[in-house]
Amino acid sequence: MMTASTKPLELYLIRHGQTEWNVADKMQGWLDSPLTARGKSQLDRVCWPAFGAIYCSDLGRAMASARRIARRQKTLIIADARLRERYFGTLQGKAIPTTAHGALGCAYQQRDWLQLHALAQVEPEATLWARIQSWLGSARKRHRFDDRPIAVVTHGEWIHTFLQHYQPARQASRLFANGQTLALNFKE
């Protein structure tokens, strides 16, 4: 018999739609850039299930994406700062570093978060991981008696880190594409 505490949480992890800075290959982090026409259509063309709630990062691009998803259903949108993208420190608003950028570029390409924190004040892995765990704990408590799926509109590094810890077999070496969705039953 499945009890409320053992019932899997059906999550739809959704990366926000494409933004102007995604097109320009700029690091966004906690800064923002508006959705492009393509970013809007990435979200509009999907037939979404009836969500019990739509959680989203409190950053503009995720909130705009969540509003597009919610347009066809009367679902509560809950903005939550714990769903924000990784803070990219002094890299925010700048071109995505490549190996041509020396140590900084190599650290970014290798996802060496300790080195990136030292070089550019990028949010450490442990801090992002703590935000993810905190949000998951809250969502599990809030939705323990709700059988409807939950949308989580967030960012590439958030999803990547979630999968790295909870679904390592599914984890891709690349970030999710803008507007990409992964449905999964989450049970710790």
N, C-alpha and C. Protein backbone atom coordinates (compact mmCIF):
# COMPACT_ATOMS: atom_id res chain seq x y z
N MET A 1 0.84 -1.18 0.00
CA MET A 1 0.00 0.00 0.00
C MET A 1 0.89 1.25 0.00
N MET A 2 0.60 2.16 -0.91
CA MET A 2 1.40 3.37 -1.02
C MET A 2 0.80 4.44 -0.11
N THR A 3 1.58 4.95 0.81
CA THR A 3 1.11 5.99 1.72
C THR A 3 1.55 7.34 1.18
N ALA A 4 1.03 8.40 1.81
CA ALA A 4 1.39 9.75 1.37
C ALA A 4 2.90 9.97 1.43
N SER A 5 3.57 9.35 2.40
CA SER A 5 5.01 9.58 2.54
C SER A 5 5.83 8.80 1.52
N THR A 6 5.26 7.73 0.94
CA THR A 6 6.02 6.94 -0.03
C THR A 6 5.57 7.19 -1.46
N LYS A 7 4.49 7.91 -1.65
CA LYS A 7 3.96 8.18 -2.99
C LYS A 7 4.96 9.04 -3.77
N PRO A 8 5.30 8.61 -4.98
CA PRO A 8 6.22 9.44 -5.78
C PRO A 8 5.57 10.78 -6.14
N LEU A 9 6.40 11.77 -6.27
CA LEU A 9 5.96 13.09 -6.68
C LEU A 9 6.20 13.17 -8.18
N GLU A 10 5.14 13.37 -8.96
CA GLU A 10 5.30 13.46 -10.41
C GLU A 10 5.70 14.88 -10.78
N LEU A 11 6.94 15.01 -11.24
CA LEU A 11 7.50 16.32 -11.57
C LEU A 11 7.69 16.45 -13.08
N TYR A 12 7.41 17.63 -13.57
CA TYR A 12 7.76 18.00 -14.94
C TYR A 12 8.81 19.09 -14.82
N LEU A 13 10.07 18.73 -15.03
CA LEU A 13 11.15 19.71 -15.01
C LEU A 13 11.18 20.39 -16.37
N ILE A 14 11.00 21.70 -16.38
CA ILE A 14 10.89 22.47 -17.62
C ILE A 14 11.92 23.60 -17.59
N ARG A 15 12.79 23.61 -18.58
CA ARG A 15 13.71 24.74 -18.68
C ARG A 15 12.96 25.88 -19.38
N HIS A 16 13.16 27.07 -18.87
CA HIS A 16 12.50 28.25 -19.45
C HIS A 16 12.72 28.33 -20.96
N GLY A 17 11.84 29.06 -21.63
CA GLY A 17 11.98 29.25 -23.08
C GLY A 17 13.22 30.07 -23.41
N GLN A 18 13.60 29.99 -24.68
CA GLN A 18 14.79 30.70 -25.17
C GLN A 18 14.68 32.20 -24.91
N THR A 19 15.80 32.80 -24.51
CA THR A 19 15.86 34.25 -24.28
C THR A 19 16.82 34.90 -25.27
N GLU A 20 16.78 36.22 -25.29
CA GLU A 20 17.70 36.96 -26.16
C GLU A 20 19.15 36.66 -25.81
N TRP A 21 19.46 36.53 -24.52
CA TRP A 21 20.83 36.24 -24.12
C TRP A 21 21.22 34.80 -24.44
N ASN A 22 20.27 33.87 -24.46
CA ASN A 22 20.60 32.51 -24.90
C ASN A 22 21.10 32.56 -26.33
N VAL A 23 20.42 33.34 -27.16
CA VAL A 23 20.80 33.46 -28.57
C VAL A 23 22.18 34.10 -28.70
N ALA A 24 22.46 35.08 -27.84
CA ALA A 24 23.73 35.80 -27.88
C ALA A 24 24.85 35.08 -27.13
N ASP A 25 24.59 33.88 -26.57
CA ASP A 25 25.57 33.13 -25.79
C ASP A 25 26.13 33.93 -24.62
N LYS A 26 25.24 34.61 -23.89
CA LYS A 26 25.63 35.36 -22.70
C LYS A 26 25.20 34.60 -21.45
N MET A 27 26.01 34.69 -20.41
CA MET A 27 25.69 34.09 -19.12
C MET A 27 24.60 34.92 -18.46
N GLN A 28 23.52 34.29 -18.06
CA GLN A 28 22.43 35.02 -17.42
C GLN A 28 22.52 34.96 -15.91
N GLY A 29 22.65 33.77 -15.36
CA GLY A 29 22.68 33.66 -13.90
C GLY A 29 21.44 34.29 -13.32
N TRP A 30 21.62 35.25 -12.41
CA TRP A 30 20.49 35.90 -11.76
C TRP A 30 20.07 37.18 -12.49
N LEU A 31 20.72 37.50 -13.59
CA LEU A 31 20.27 38.62 -14.43
C LEU A 31 19.19 38.08 -15.37
N ASP A 32 18.54 38.96 -16.09
CA ASP A 32 17.44 38.51 -16.92
C ASP A 32 17.51 39.05 -18.33
N SER A 33 16.80 38.37 -19.19
CA SER A 33 16.68 38.71 -20.59
C SER A 33 15.30 38.21 -21.03
N PRO A 34 14.61 38.96 -21.89
CA PRO A 34 13.26 38.54 -22.28
C PRO A 34 13.25 37.30 -23.17
N LEU A 35 12.12 36.60 -23.14
CA LEU A 35 11.93 35.46 -24.04
C LEU A 35 11.89 35.94 -25.48
N THR A 36 12.43 35.15 -26.38
CA THR A 36 12.33 35.42 -27.81
C THR A 36 10.99 34.87 -28.32
N ALA A 37 10.66 35.19 -29.57
CA ALA A 37 9.45 34.60 -30.17
C ALA A 37 9.57 33.07 -30.19
N ARG A 38 10.76 32.58 -30.47
CA ARG A 38 10.96 31.13 -30.46
C ARG A 38 10.76 30.57 -29.05
N GLY A 39 11.26 31.27 -28.04
CA GLY A 39 11.10 30.84 -26.66
C GLY A 39 9.63 30.73 -26.26
N LYS A 40 8.84 31.67 -26.73
CA LYS A 40 7.40 31.63 -26.44
C LYS A 40 6.74 30.45 -27.15
N SER A 41 7.11 30.24 -28.40
CA SER A 41 6.48 29.14 -29.16
C SER A 41 6.93 27.77 -28.62
N GLN A 42 8.15 27.67 -28.07
CA GLN A 42 8.60 26.42 -27.47
C GLN A 42 7.63 25.97 -26.39
N LEU A 43 7.07 26.91 -25.66
CA LEU A 43 6.17 26.61 -24.56
C LEU A 43 4.71 26.50 -25.02
N ASP A 44 4.36 27.27 -26.02
CA ASP A 44 2.96 27.30 -26.48
C ASP A 44 2.55 26.06 -27.25
N ARG A 45 3.49 25.39 -27.88
CA ARG A 45 3.14 24.26 -28.75
C ARG A 45 2.97 22.94 -28.01
N VAL A 46 3.25 22.92 -26.71
CA VAL A 46 3.14 21.70 -25.91
C VAL A 46 1.73 21.58 -25.34
N CYS A 47 1.20 20.36 -25.35
CA CYS A 47 -0.08 20.08 -24.70
C CYS A 47 0.24 19.65 -23.27
N TRP A 48 0.13 20.57 -22.34
CA TRP A 48 0.52 20.33 -20.96
C TRP A 48 -0.57 19.57 -20.22
N PRO A 49 -0.20 18.71 -19.27
CA PRO A 49 -1.21 18.06 -18.43
C PRO A 49 -1.81 19.07 -17.45
N ALA A 50 -2.85 18.69 -16.75
CA ALA A 50 -3.44 19.54 -15.71
C ALA A 50 -2.55 19.46 -14.47
N PHE A 51 -1.80 20.50 -14.24
CA PHE A 51 -0.86 20.52 -13.12
C PHE A 51 -1.57 20.87 -11.81
N GLY A 52 -1.09 20.26 -10.71
CA GLY A 52 -1.57 20.64 -9.39
C GLY A 52 -1.04 21.99 -8.98
N ALA A 53 0.13 22.33 -9.48
CA ALA A 53 0.75 23.64 -9.25
C ALA A 53 1.85 23.82 -10.29
N ILE A 54 2.16 25.07 -10.55
CA ILE A 54 3.29 25.40 -11.41
C ILE A 54 4.25 26.22 -10.56
N TYR A 55 5.38 25.60 -10.21
CA TYR A 55 6.42 26.31 -9.48
C TYR A 55 7.37 26.90 -10.51
N CYS A 56 7.90 28.07 -10.18
CA CYS A 56 8.89 28.64 -11.09
C CYS A 56 9.88 29.48 -10.30
N SER A 57 11.03 29.63 -10.88
CA SER A 57 12.03 30.55 -10.37
C SER A 57 11.41 31.94 -10.35
N ASP A 58 11.89 32.80 -9.47
CA ASP A 58 11.37 34.16 -9.41
C ASP A 58 12.04 35.09 -10.43
N LEU A 59 12.90 34.54 -11.28
CA LEU A 59 13.52 35.35 -12.34
C LEU A 59 12.54 35.51 -13.50
N GLY A 60 12.59 36.64 -14.16
CA GLY A 60 11.62 37.00 -15.19
C GLY A 60 11.42 35.99 -16.29
N ARG A 61 12.50 35.39 -16.79
CA ARG A 61 12.37 34.46 -17.91
C ARG A 61 11.62 33.20 -17.51
N ALA A 62 11.80 32.75 -16.27
CA ALA A 62 11.07 31.57 -15.79
C ALA A 62 9.62 31.93 -15.49
N MET A 63 9.39 33.11 -14.93
CA MET A 63 8.02 33.53 -14.64
C MET A 63 7.22 33.72 -15.93
N ALA A 64 7.85 34.32 -16.95
CA ALA A 64 7.16 34.49 -18.24
C ALA A 64 6.86 33.13 -18.85
N SER A 65 7.77 32.18 -18.71
CA SER A 65 7.54 30.82 -19.23
C SER A 65 6.40 30.16 -18.47
N ALA A 66 6.37 30.29 -17.15
CA ALA A 66 5.30 29.69 -16.35
C ALA A 66 3.94 30.28 -16.72
N ARG A 67 3.89 31.59 -16.96
CA ARG A 67 2.61 32.21 -17.35
C ARG A 67 2.12 31.66 -18.69
N ARG A 68 3.01 31.38 -19.60
CA ARG A 68 2.61 30.82 -20.90
C ARG A 68 2.06 29.41 -20.71
N ILE A 69 2.67 28.64 -19.82
CA ILE A 69 2.19 27.28 -19.55
C ILE A 69 0.82 27.33 -18.88
N ALA A 70 0.64 28.27 -17.98
CA ALA A 70 -0.60 28.35 -17.19
C ALA A 70 -1.77 28.97 -17.95
N ARG A 71 -1.52 29.56 -19.10
CA ARG A 71 -2.58 30.28 -19.83
C ARG A 71 -3.81 29.42 -20.10
N ARG A 72 -3.61 28.14 -20.39
CA ARG A 72 -4.73 27.28 -20.76
C ARG A 72 -5.30 26.49 -19.59
N GLN A 73 -4.83 26.73 -18.41
CA GLN A 73 -5.37 26.03 -17.24
C GLN A 73 -5.39 26.98 -16.06
N LYS A 74 -6.28 26.75 -15.17
CA LYS A 74 -6.38 27.59 -13.98
C LYS A 74 -5.54 26.96 -12.88
N THR A 75 -4.26 27.17 -12.98
CA THR A 75 -3.32 26.56 -12.04
C THR A 75 -2.54 27.65 -11.34
N LEU A 76 -2.35 27.47 -10.07
CA LEU A 76 -1.60 28.41 -9.26
C LEU A 76 -0.13 28.41 -9.69
N ILE A 77 0.44 29.60 -9.88
CA ILE A 77 1.86 29.75 -10.14
C ILE A 77 2.52 30.20 -8.84
N ILE A 78 3.54 29.48 -8.44
CA ILE A 78 4.24 29.79 -7.19
C ILE A 78 5.70 30.12 -7.53
N ALA A 79 6.06 31.38 -7.41
CA ALA A 79 7.45 31.80 -7.66
C ALA A 79 8.28 31.51 -6.41
N ASP A 80 9.47 30.97 -6.61
CA ASP A 80 10.31 30.57 -5.49
C ASP A 80 11.78 30.81 -5.85
N ALA A 81 12.46 31.59 -5.05
CA ALA A 81 13.86 31.93 -5.31
C ALA A 81 14.77 30.70 -5.26
N ARG A 82 14.35 29.63 -4.60
CA ARG A 82 15.18 28.42 -4.54
C ARG A 82 15.28 27.73 -5.90
N LEU A 83 14.43 28.12 -6.84
CA LEU A 83 14.46 27.54 -8.19
C LEU A 83 15.29 28.38 -9.15
N ARG A 84 15.94 29.40 -8.65
CA ARG A 84 16.78 30.27 -9.50
C ARG A 84 17.93 29.50 -10.12
N GLU A 85 18.41 30.06 -11.22
CA GLU A 85 19.63 29.57 -11.86
C GLU A 85 20.80 29.71 -10.89
N ARG A 86 21.85 28.98 -11.16
CA ARG A 86 23.09 29.15 -10.38
C ARG A 86 23.52 30.61 -10.51
N TYR A 87 23.99 31.19 -9.43
CA TYR A 87 24.54 32.55 -9.46
C TYR A 87 25.91 32.47 -10.12
N PHE A 88 26.09 33.24 -11.19
CA PHE A 88 27.34 33.17 -11.94
C PHE A 88 28.30 34.32 -11.66
N GLY A 89 28.13 35.01 -10.56
CA GLY A 89 29.08 36.01 -10.11
C GLY A 89 29.44 37.02 -11.17
N THR A 90 30.74 37.25 -11.33
CA THR A 90 31.22 38.27 -12.27
C THR A 90 31.05 37.85 -13.73
N LEU A 91 30.63 36.62 -13.98
CA LEU A 91 30.41 36.16 -15.36
C LEU A 91 29.05 36.59 -15.89
N GLN A 92 28.13 36.97 -15.00
CA GLN A 92 26.77 37.30 -15.43
C GLN A 92 26.78 38.48 -16.42
N GLY A 93 26.03 38.31 -17.50
CA GLY A 93 25.93 39.35 -18.52
C GLY A 93 27.07 39.33 -19.52
N LYS A 94 28.01 38.41 -19.36
CA LYS A 94 29.16 38.33 -20.26
C LYS A 94 29.05 37.10 -21.16
N ALA A 95 29.88 37.06 -22.18
CA ALA A 95 29.90 35.91 -23.10
C ALA A 95 30.26 34.64 -22.33
N ILE A 96 29.67 33.54 -22.74
CA ILE A 96 29.98 32.25 -22.12
C ILE A 96 31.46 31.96 -22.34
N PRO A 97 32.20 31.67 -21.27
CA PRO A 97 33.65 31.45 -21.41
C PRO A 97 33.97 30.16 -22.18
N THR A 98 34.98 30.25 -22.99
CA THR A 98 35.48 29.07 -23.71
C THR A 98 36.90 28.81 -23.25
N THR A 99 37.49 27.75 -23.73
CA THR A 99 38.87 27.45 -23.35
C THR A 99 39.83 28.55 -23.81
N ALA A 100 39.42 29.35 -24.77
CA ALA A 100 40.26 30.47 -25.21
C ALA A 100 40.39 31.54 -24.12
N HIS A 101 39.53 31.48 -23.08
CA HIS A 101 39.57 32.44 -21.99
C HIS A 101 40.51 32.00 -20.86
N GLY A 102 41.39 31.07 -21.13
CA GLY A 102 42.37 30.63 -20.14
C GLY A 102 41.76 29.80 -19.02
N ALA A 103 42.27 30.01 -17.80
CA ALA A 103 41.85 29.20 -16.64
C ALA A 103 40.35 29.31 -16.39
N LEU A 104 39.81 30.49 -16.54
CA LEU A 104 38.37 30.68 -16.32
C LEU A 104 37.55 29.86 -17.32
N GLY A 105 37.92 29.92 -18.58
CA GLY A 105 37.22 29.16 -19.61
C GLY A 105 37.33 27.67 -19.40
N CYS A 106 38.50 27.22 -19.04
CA CYS A 106 38.70 25.78 -18.78
C CYS A 106 37.86 25.34 -17.59
N ALA A 107 37.84 26.14 -16.53
CA ALA A 107 37.05 25.79 -15.34
C ALA A 107 35.57 25.72 -15.69
N TYR A 108 35.09 26.67 -16.53
CA TYR A 108 33.67 26.63 -16.91
C TYR A 108 33.36 25.41 -17.77
N GLN A 109 34.19 25.15 -18.75
CA GLN A 109 33.93 24.01 -19.64
C GLN A 109 33.95 22.69 -18.88
N GLN A 110 34.74 22.61 -17.81
CA GLN A 110 34.84 21.38 -17.01
C GLN A 110 33.86 21.38 -15.84
N ARG A 111 33.09 22.46 -15.69
CA ARG A 111 32.15 22.61 -14.58
C ARG A 111 32.87 22.42 -13.23
N ASP A 112 34.01 23.07 -13.11
CA ASP A 112 34.80 23.03 -11.88
C ASP A 112 34.31 24.18 -11.00
N TRP A 113 33.28 23.90 -10.19
CA TRP A 113 32.60 24.95 -9.43
C TRP A 113 33.49 25.56 -8.35
N LEU A 114 34.39 24.78 -7.78
CA LEU A 114 35.29 25.35 -6.77
C LEU A 114 36.22 26.38 -7.40
N GLN A 115 36.77 26.03 -8.55
CA GLN A 115 37.66 26.96 -9.25
C GLN A 115 36.88 28.19 -9.73
N LEU A 116 35.67 27.98 -10.23
CA LEU A 116 34.86 29.10 -10.70
C LEU A 116 34.47 30.02 -9.55
N HIS A 117 34.22 29.44 -8.38
CA HIS A 117 33.91 30.27 -7.21
C HIS A 117 35.13 31.13 -6.86
N ALA A 118 36.30 30.53 -6.89
CA ALA A 118 37.53 31.27 -6.57
C ALA A 118 37.82 32.36 -7.60
N LEU A 119 37.59 32.05 -8.88
CA LEU A 119 37.94 32.99 -9.95
C LEU A 119 36.87 34.06 -10.21
N ALA A 120 35.59 33.70 -10.03
CA ALA A 120 34.53 34.62 -10.46
C ALA A 120 33.34 34.70 -9.50
N GLN A 121 33.49 34.21 -8.28
CA GLN A 121 32.43 34.24 -7.28
C GLN A 121 31.16 33.51 -7.74
N VAL A 122 31.32 32.44 -8.54
CA VAL A 122 30.19 31.62 -8.99
C VAL A 122 29.69 30.81 -7.80
N GLU A 123 28.36 30.64 -7.72
CA GLU A 123 27.74 29.90 -6.62
C GLU A 123 28.29 28.48 -6.55
N PRO A 124 28.77 28.07 -5.40
CA PRO A 124 29.31 26.71 -5.26
C PRO A 124 28.23 25.64 -5.42
N GLU A 125 28.67 24.47 -5.83
CA GLU A 125 27.75 23.33 -6.02
C GLU A 125 26.95 23.04 -4.76
N ALA A 126 27.60 23.07 -3.60
CA ALA A 126 26.92 22.74 -2.35
C ALA A 126 25.79 23.71 -2.04
N THR A 127 25.95 24.97 -2.40
CA THR A 127 24.91 25.97 -2.14
C THR A 127 23.72 25.74 -3.06
N LEU A 128 23.97 25.50 -4.34
CA LEU A 128 22.88 25.21 -5.26
C LEU A 128 22.17 23.93 -4.85
N TRP A 129 22.92 22.91 -4.49
CA TRP A 129 22.36 21.63 -4.07
C TRP A 129 21.47 21.81 -2.83
N ALA A 130 21.89 22.64 -1.90
CA ALA A 130 21.08 22.90 -0.69
C ALA A 130 19.75 23.58 -1.07
N ARG A 131 19.78 24.49 -2.03
CA ARG A 131 18.53 25.13 -2.49
C ARG A 131 17.59 24.09 -3.09
N ILE A 132 18.14 23.19 -3.91
CA ILE A 132 17.32 22.16 -4.55
C ILE A 132 16.69 21.25 -3.49
N GLN A 133 17.49 20.80 -2.54
CA GLN A 133 16.97 19.92 -1.50
C GLN A 133 15.90 20.62 -0.65
N SER A 134 16.11 21.87 -0.35
CA SER A 134 15.14 22.63 0.43
C SER A 134 13.82 22.74 -0.32
N TRP A 135 13.89 23.08 -1.60
CA TRP A 135 12.66 23.19 -2.39
C TRP A 135 11.95 21.83 -2.46
N LEU A 136 12.68 20.77 -2.73
CA LEU A 136 12.07 19.43 -2.82
C LEU A 136 11.37 19.03 -1.54
N GLY A 137 11.99 19.30 -0.41
CA GLY A 137 11.36 18.98 0.87
C GLY A 137 10.04 19.71 1.04
N SER A 138 10.03 20.99 0.69
CA SER A 138 8.79 21.77 0.78
C SER A 138 7.72 21.26 -0.18
N ALA A 139 8.10 20.96 -1.40
CA ALA A 139 7.14 20.48 -2.40
C ALA A 139 6.55 19.13 -1.99
N ARG A 140 7.37 18.25 -1.48
CA ARG A 140 6.88 16.94 -1.04
C ARG A 140 5.84 17.08 0.08
N LYS A 141 6.10 17.96 1.02
CA LYS A 141 5.15 18.18 2.12
C LYS A 141 3.85 18.80 1.60
N ARG A 142 3.98 19.79 0.76
CA ARG A 142 2.81 20.52 0.28
C ARG A 142 1.92 19.66 -0.61
N HIS A 143 2.49 18.75 -1.37
CA HIS A 143 1.73 17.99 -2.36
C HIS A 143 1.62 16.50 -2.02
N ARG A 144 1.80 16.14 -0.79
CA ARG A 144 1.81 14.72 -0.42
C ARG A 144 0.47 14.02 -0.63
N PHE A 145 -0.63 14.79 -0.68
CA PHE A 145 -1.94 14.17 -0.89
C PHE A 145 -2.53 14.51 -2.26
N ASP A 146 -1.74 15.11 -3.11
CA ASP A 146 -2.21 15.55 -4.43
C ASP A 146 -1.62 14.62 -5.49
N ASP A 147 -2.47 13.99 -6.28
CA ASP A 147 -2.01 13.06 -7.31
C ASP A 147 -1.67 13.75 -8.63
N ARG A 148 -1.95 15.03 -8.74
CA ARG A 148 -1.68 15.74 -10.00
C ARG A 148 -0.19 16.04 -10.13
N PRO A 149 0.29 16.08 -11.37
CA PRO A 149 1.72 16.41 -11.58
C PRO A 149 2.00 17.86 -11.23
N ILE A 150 3.27 18.13 -10.99
CA ILE A 150 3.73 19.47 -10.64
C ILE A 150 4.73 19.93 -11.70
N ALA A 151 4.51 21.12 -12.20
CA ALA A 151 5.47 21.72 -13.14
C ALA A 151 6.53 22.48 -12.34
N VAL A 152 7.77 22.36 -12.77
CA VAL A 152 8.88 23.08 -12.15
C VAL A 152 9.59 23.82 -13.28
N VAL A 153 9.31 25.10 -13.41
CA VAL A 153 9.90 25.90 -14.49
C VAL A 153 11.14 26.58 -13.91
N THR A 154 12.28 26.14 -14.40
CA THR A 154 13.53 26.58 -13.80
C THR A 154 14.60 26.75 -14.88
N HIS A 155 15.82 26.48 -14.55
CA HIS A 155 16.96 26.84 -15.40
C HIS A 155 17.86 25.64 -15.65
N GLY A 156 18.72 25.79 -16.65
CA GLY A 156 19.57 24.69 -17.09
C GLY A 156 20.47 24.11 -16.01
N GLU A 157 21.19 24.94 -15.28
CA GLU A 157 22.10 24.43 -14.24
C GLU A 157 21.33 23.83 -13.07
N TRP A 158 20.15 24.36 -12.75
CA TRP A 158 19.33 23.79 -11.68
C TRP A 158 18.92 22.37 -12.06
N ILE A 159 18.41 22.20 -13.27
CA ILE A 159 17.98 20.88 -13.73
C ILE A 159 19.18 19.93 -13.80
N HIS A 160 20.28 20.42 -14.35
CA HIS A 160 21.49 19.60 -14.47
C HIS A 160 21.94 19.09 -13.09
N THR A 161 21.94 19.96 -12.11
CA THR A 161 22.36 19.58 -10.76
C THR A 161 21.36 18.61 -10.14
N PHE A 162 20.08 18.86 -10.31
CA PHE A 162 19.05 17.93 -9.81
C PHE A 162 19.29 16.53 -10.38
N LEU A 163 19.46 16.44 -11.68
CA LEU A 163 19.65 15.14 -12.32
C LEU A 163 20.97 14.49 -11.91
N GLN A 164 21.99 15.29 -11.75
CA GLN A 164 23.30 14.76 -11.33
C GLN A 164 23.18 14.03 -10.00
N HIS A 165 22.35 14.54 -9.11
CA HIS A 165 22.21 13.94 -7.78
C HIS A 165 21.11 12.89 -7.68
N TYR A 166 19.99 13.13 -8.36
CA TYR A 166 18.84 12.24 -8.18
C TYR A 166 18.62 11.25 -9.31
N GLN A 167 19.10 11.55 -10.48
CA GLN A 167 18.88 10.68 -11.64
C GLN A 167 20.17 10.56 -12.44
N PRO A 168 21.26 10.12 -11.84
CA PRO A 168 22.55 10.14 -12.55
C PRO A 168 22.54 9.34 -13.85
N ALA A 169 21.72 8.30 -13.95
CA ALA A 169 21.67 7.51 -15.19
C ALA A 169 21.08 8.33 -16.33
N ARG A 170 20.22 9.29 -16.01
CA ARG A 170 19.57 10.12 -17.03
C ARG A 170 20.37 11.37 -17.34
N GLN A 171 21.26 11.72 -16.48
CA GLN A 171 21.94 13.00 -16.59
C GLN A 171 22.77 13.08 -17.86
N ALA A 172 22.53 14.11 -18.62
CA ALA A 172 23.28 14.32 -19.86
C ALA A 172 24.49 15.20 -19.58
N SER A 173 25.47 15.12 -20.42
CA SER A 173 26.65 15.96 -20.25
C SER A 173 26.36 17.41 -20.64
N ARG A 174 25.33 17.61 -21.44
CA ARG A 174 24.95 18.96 -21.86
C ARG A 174 23.72 19.42 -21.07
N LEU A 175 23.52 20.72 -21.06
CA LEU A 175 22.33 21.27 -20.41
C LEU A 175 21.09 20.96 -21.23
N PHE A 176 19.96 20.97 -20.57
CA PHE A 176 18.68 20.86 -21.26
C PHE A 176 18.57 22.02 -22.25
N ALA A 177 17.92 21.78 -23.36
CA ALA A 177 17.64 22.86 -24.31
C ALA A 177 16.55 23.75 -23.74
N ASN A 178 16.50 24.97 -24.20
CA ASN A 178 15.43 25.87 -23.77
C ASN A 178 14.09 25.26 -24.13
N GLY A 179 13.15 25.31 -23.19
CA GLY A 179 11.82 24.77 -23.40
C GLY A 179 11.73 23.26 -23.26
N GLN A 180 12.85 22.58 -23.06
CA GLN A 180 12.84 21.12 -22.94
C GLN A 180 12.21 20.71 -21.62
N THR A 181 11.51 19.56 -21.63
CA THR A 181 10.79 19.04 -20.48
C THR A 181 11.21 17.62 -20.18
N LEU A 182 11.29 17.29 -18.92
CA LEU A 182 11.52 15.92 -18.48
C LEU A 182 10.47 15.60 -17.42
N ALA A 183 9.64 14.59 -17.70
CA ALA A 183 8.66 14.13 -16.72
C ALA A 183 9.27 12.97 -15.96
N LEU A 184 9.18 13.00 -14.65
CA LEU A 184 9.70 11.88 -13.86
C LEU A 184 8.92 11.74 -12.57
N ASN A 185 8.92 10.53 -12.06
CA ASN A 185 8.34 10.26 -10.74
C ASN A 185 9.49 10.31 -9.75
N PHE A 186 9.42 11.28 -8.87
CA PHE A 186 10.50 11.48 -7.91
C PHE A 186 10.13 10.84 -6.58
N LYS A 187 11.00 9.97 -6.14
CA LYS A 187 10.86 9.34 -4.83
C LYS A 187 12.26 9.16 -4.28
N GLU A 188 12.51 9.76 -3.14
CA GLU A 188 13.84 9.66 -2.54
C GLU A 188 14.13 8.23 -2.13
